[in-house]
Every structure is written in structure tokens, then in C-alpha cells.
Amino acid sequence: MVDEPLASAVRRGPLADIDTVYTLPDGRRCVVTFANRGSDQLHPVRRSTGDLWVAFLASDDTEPPAWEDWERDWVPAEWLLPTGRLDRRRQRH
């Protein structure tokens, strides 16, 4: 059985790309986690309920320095409000 990708849309517009920043109703900012699932195309990581796997940005809107430092959670797609783009030049190293 192959996982068919679900439509990449949220109520306020399409999931853009890995650099789109979204704001949740509680004010936290995040990016959607994408995976290639063994292909050349990236797809947002979703579970069967449609919830998306998101990664929360640090308080200064940068990516945490290490993979294990990311806080992640499943959120309903309709909670995502696109509010900007991730500025990779500002990232901590």
C-alpha cells in the first residue's frame, strides 16, 4: 500500500514551500515539515486526519541550531496562517 499525498492546501491558501513561516492562533510561529518519501518531490508530512507535522521556530524567528532542539507537534492545517518567509541568512550556526 502506497501513501497517496493529500492535497497541499490550507484554508487560507496553499502550502508554499519549506521556507514559508506560519503563525498559529496562539501566536507561535512554525514551518511545515516536508519529506520526499523516497521520491524527487517534497510533500508536507500529514497524518490521516489531515494534521500537519510542524516545527516551531525559536523566539527570534530562527531555526534552532540542532535537529534535536526543534520543538515539533501535529496541528490542524486550518490553523496555519502564512505570515512570512524564513530568512536563512539570520540563522544561528
C-alpha atoms as a PDB file:
ATOM      1  CA  MET A   1       0.000   0.000   0.000  1.00  0.00           C
ATOM      2  CA  VAL A   2       1.414   3.371  -1.048  1.00  0.00           C
ATOM      3  CA  ASP A   3       0.658   6.578   0.843  1.00  0.00           C
ATOM      4  CA  GLU A   4      -1.037   8.927  -1.576  1.00  0.00           C
ATOM      5  CA  PRO A   5      -0.134  12.565  -0.904  1.00  0.00           C
ATOM      6  CA  LEU A   6      -3.078  14.592   0.332  1.00  0.00           C
ATOM      7  CA  ALA A   7      -3.914  17.914  -1.265  1.00  0.00           C
ATOM      8  CA  SER A   8      -1.412  20.530  -0.097  1.00  0.00           C
ATOM      9  CA  ALA A   9      -3.864  23.229   0.844  1.00  0.00           C
ATOM     10  CA  VAL A  10      -4.856  25.046   3.991  1.00  0.00           C
ATOM     11  CA  ARG A  11      -7.930  27.211   4.379  1.00  0.00           C
ATOM     12  CA  ARG A  12      -6.028  30.456   3.790  1.00  0.00           C
ATOM     13  CA  GLY A  13      -4.007  29.307   0.798  1.00  0.00           C
ATOM     14  CA  PRO A  14      -1.686  26.589  -0.454  1.00  0.00           C
ATOM     15  CA  LEU A  15       1.279  25.262   1.463  1.00  0.00           C
ATOM     16  CA  ALA A  16       4.035  27.176  -0.212  1.00  0.00           C
ATOM     17  CA  ASP A  17       7.435  25.646   0.442  1.00  0.00           C
ATOM     18  CA  ILE A  18       9.910  24.795   3.170  1.00  0.00           C
ATOM     19  CA  ASP A  19      10.703  28.478   3.847  1.00  0.00           C
ATOM     20  CA  THR A  20       7.145  29.702   4.478  1.00  0.00           C
ATOM     21  CA  VAL A  21       6.575  30.794   8.075  1.00  0.00           C
ATOM     22  CA  TYR A  22       3.117  30.249   9.551  1.00  0.00           C
ATOM     23  CA  THR A  23       1.581  31.736  12.677  1.00  0.00           C
ATOM     24  CA  LEU A  24      -0.777  29.665  14.816  1.00  0.00           C
ATOM     25  CA  PRO A  25      -3.776  31.166  16.670  1.00  0.00           C
ATOM     26  CA  ASP A  26      -1.740  31.165  19.914  1.00  0.00           C
ATOM     27  CA  GLY A  27       0.994  33.299  18.290  1.00  0.00           C
ATOM     28  CA  ARG A  28       3.641  30.598  17.923  1.00  0.00           C
ATOM     29  CA  ARG A  29       5.474  30.624  14.605  1.00  0.00           C
ATOM     30  CA  CYS A  30       6.415  27.490  12.713  1.00  0.00           C
ATOM     31  CA  VAL A  31       7.369  25.897   9.419  1.00  0.00           C
ATOM     32  CA  VAL A  32       5.716  22.825   7.936  1.00  0.00           C
ATOM     33  CA  THR A  33       7.853  19.697   7.794  1.00  0.00           C
ATOM     34  CA  PHE A  34       8.285  18.304   4.287  1.00  0.00           C
ATOM     35  CA  ALA A  35       9.587  14.870   3.275  1.00  0.00           C
ATOM     36  CA  ASN A  36      10.385  13.273  -0.042  1.00  0.00           C
ATOM     37  CA  ARG A  37       9.152   9.768   0.903  1.00  0.00           C
ATOM     38  CA  GLY A  38      11.588   8.147  -1.498  1.00  0.00           C
ATOM     39  CA  SER A  39      10.828  10.370  -4.484  1.00  0.00           C
ATOM     40  CA  ASP A  40      12.206  13.538  -6.004  1.00  0.00           C
ATOM     41  CA  GLN A  41       9.217  15.609  -4.864  1.00  0.00           C
ATOM     42  CA  LEU A  42       8.687  17.099  -1.420  1.00  0.00           C
ATOM     43  CA  HIS A  43       5.307  16.608   0.262  1.00  0.00           C
ATOM     44  CA  PRO A  44       4.123  18.071   3.563  1.00  0.00           C
ATOM     45  CA  VAL A  45       4.120  15.471   6.335  1.00  0.00           C
ATOM     46  CA  ARG A  46       0.476  14.762   7.241  1.00  0.00           C
ATOM     47  CA  ARG A  47      -1.317  12.117   9.168  1.00  0.00           C
ATOM     48  CA  SER A  48      -4.572  10.552   8.045  1.00  0.00           C
ATOM     49  CA  THR A  49      -6.626  13.197   9.900  1.00  0.00           C
ATOM     50  CA  GLY A  50      -5.039  15.937   7.764  1.00  0.00           C
ATOM     51  CA  ASP A  51      -2.996  17.385  10.620  1.00  0.00           C
ATOM     52  CA  LEU A  52       0.419  18.676   9.589  1.00  0.00           C
ATOM     53  CA  TRP A  53       3.746  17.985  11.320  1.00  0.00           C
ATOM     54  CA  VAL A  54       5.212  21.411  12.094  1.00  0.00           C
ATOM     55  CA  ALA A  55       8.463  22.626  13.609  1.00  0.00           C
ATOM     56  CA  PHE A  56       8.378  25.687  15.848  1.00  0.00           C
ATOM     57  CA  LEU A  57      10.872  28.489  15.343  1.00  0.00           C
ATOM     58  CA  ALA A  58      12.955  29.939  18.169  1.00  0.00           C
ATOM     59  CA  SER A  59      11.655  33.142  19.779  1.00  0.00           C
ATOM     60  CA  ASP A  60      13.820  35.240  17.418  1.00  0.00           C
ATOM     61  CA  ASP A  61      12.267  33.509  14.355  1.00  0.00           C
ATOM     62  CA  THR A  62      15.337  31.452  13.583  1.00  0.00           C
ATOM     63  CA  GLU A  63      15.739  27.718  13.248  1.00  0.00           C
ATOM     64  CA  PRO A  64      17.102  26.008  16.367  1.00  0.00           C
ATOM     65  CA  PRO A  65      20.788  25.123  15.935  1.00  0.00           C
ATOM     66  CA  ALA A  66      20.447  21.325  16.057  1.00  0.00           C
ATOM     67  CA  TRP A  67      17.797  18.862  14.862  1.00  0.00           C
ATOM     68  CA  GLU A  68      17.130  17.620  18.395  1.00  0.00           C
ATOM     69  CA  ASP A  69      16.480  21.208  19.582  1.00  0.00           C
ATOM     70  CA  TRP A  70      13.385  21.632  17.411  1.00  0.00           C
ATOM     71  CA  GLU A  71      10.007  21.527  19.156  1.00  0.00           C
ATOM     72  CA  ARG A  72       7.526  19.741  16.884  1.00  0.00           C
ATOM     73  CA  ASP A  73       3.836  18.931  17.000  1.00  0.00           C
ATOM     74  CA  TRP A  74       0.840  17.926  14.881  1.00  0.00           C
ATOM     75  CA  VAL A  75      -1.518  20.837  14.165  1.00  0.00           C
ATOM     76  CA  PRO A  76      -4.721  21.121  12.136  1.00  0.00           C
ATOM     77  CA  ALA A  77      -3.991  22.573   8.703  1.00  0.00           C
ATOM     78  CA  GLU A  78      -6.706  25.210   9.097  1.00  0.00           C
ATOM     79  CA  TRP A  79      -4.774  26.785  11.993  1.00  0.00           C
ATOM     80  CA  LEU A  80      -1.884  27.796   9.720  1.00  0.00           C
ATOM     81  CA  LEU A  81      -1.763  31.426   8.642  1.00  0.00           C
ATOM     82  CA  PRO A  82       1.134  32.177   6.243  1.00  0.00           C
ATOM     83  CA  THR A  83       2.880  35.255   7.635  1.00  0.00           C
ATOM     84  CA  GLY A  84       6.344  35.410   6.110  1.00  0.00           C
ATOM     85  CA  ARG A  85       9.413  33.664   4.837  1.00  0.00           C
ATOM     86  CA  LEU A  86      12.265  32.123   6.761  1.00  0.00           C
ATOM     87  CA  ASP A  87      15.377  34.300   6.460  1.00  0.00           C
ATOM     88  CA  ARG A  88      18.164  31.731   6.328  1.00  0.00           C
ATOM     89  CA  ARG A  89      20.802  34.495   6.391  1.00  0.00           C
ATOM     90  CA  ARG A  90      19.836  35.238  10.021  1.00  0.00           C
ATOM     91  CA  GLN A  91      20.204  31.636  11.154  1.00  0.00           C
ATOM     92  CA  ARG A  92      22.454  30.750  14.051  1.00  0.00           C
ATOM     93  CA  HIS A  93      25.376  28.427  13.395  1.00  0.00           C
END
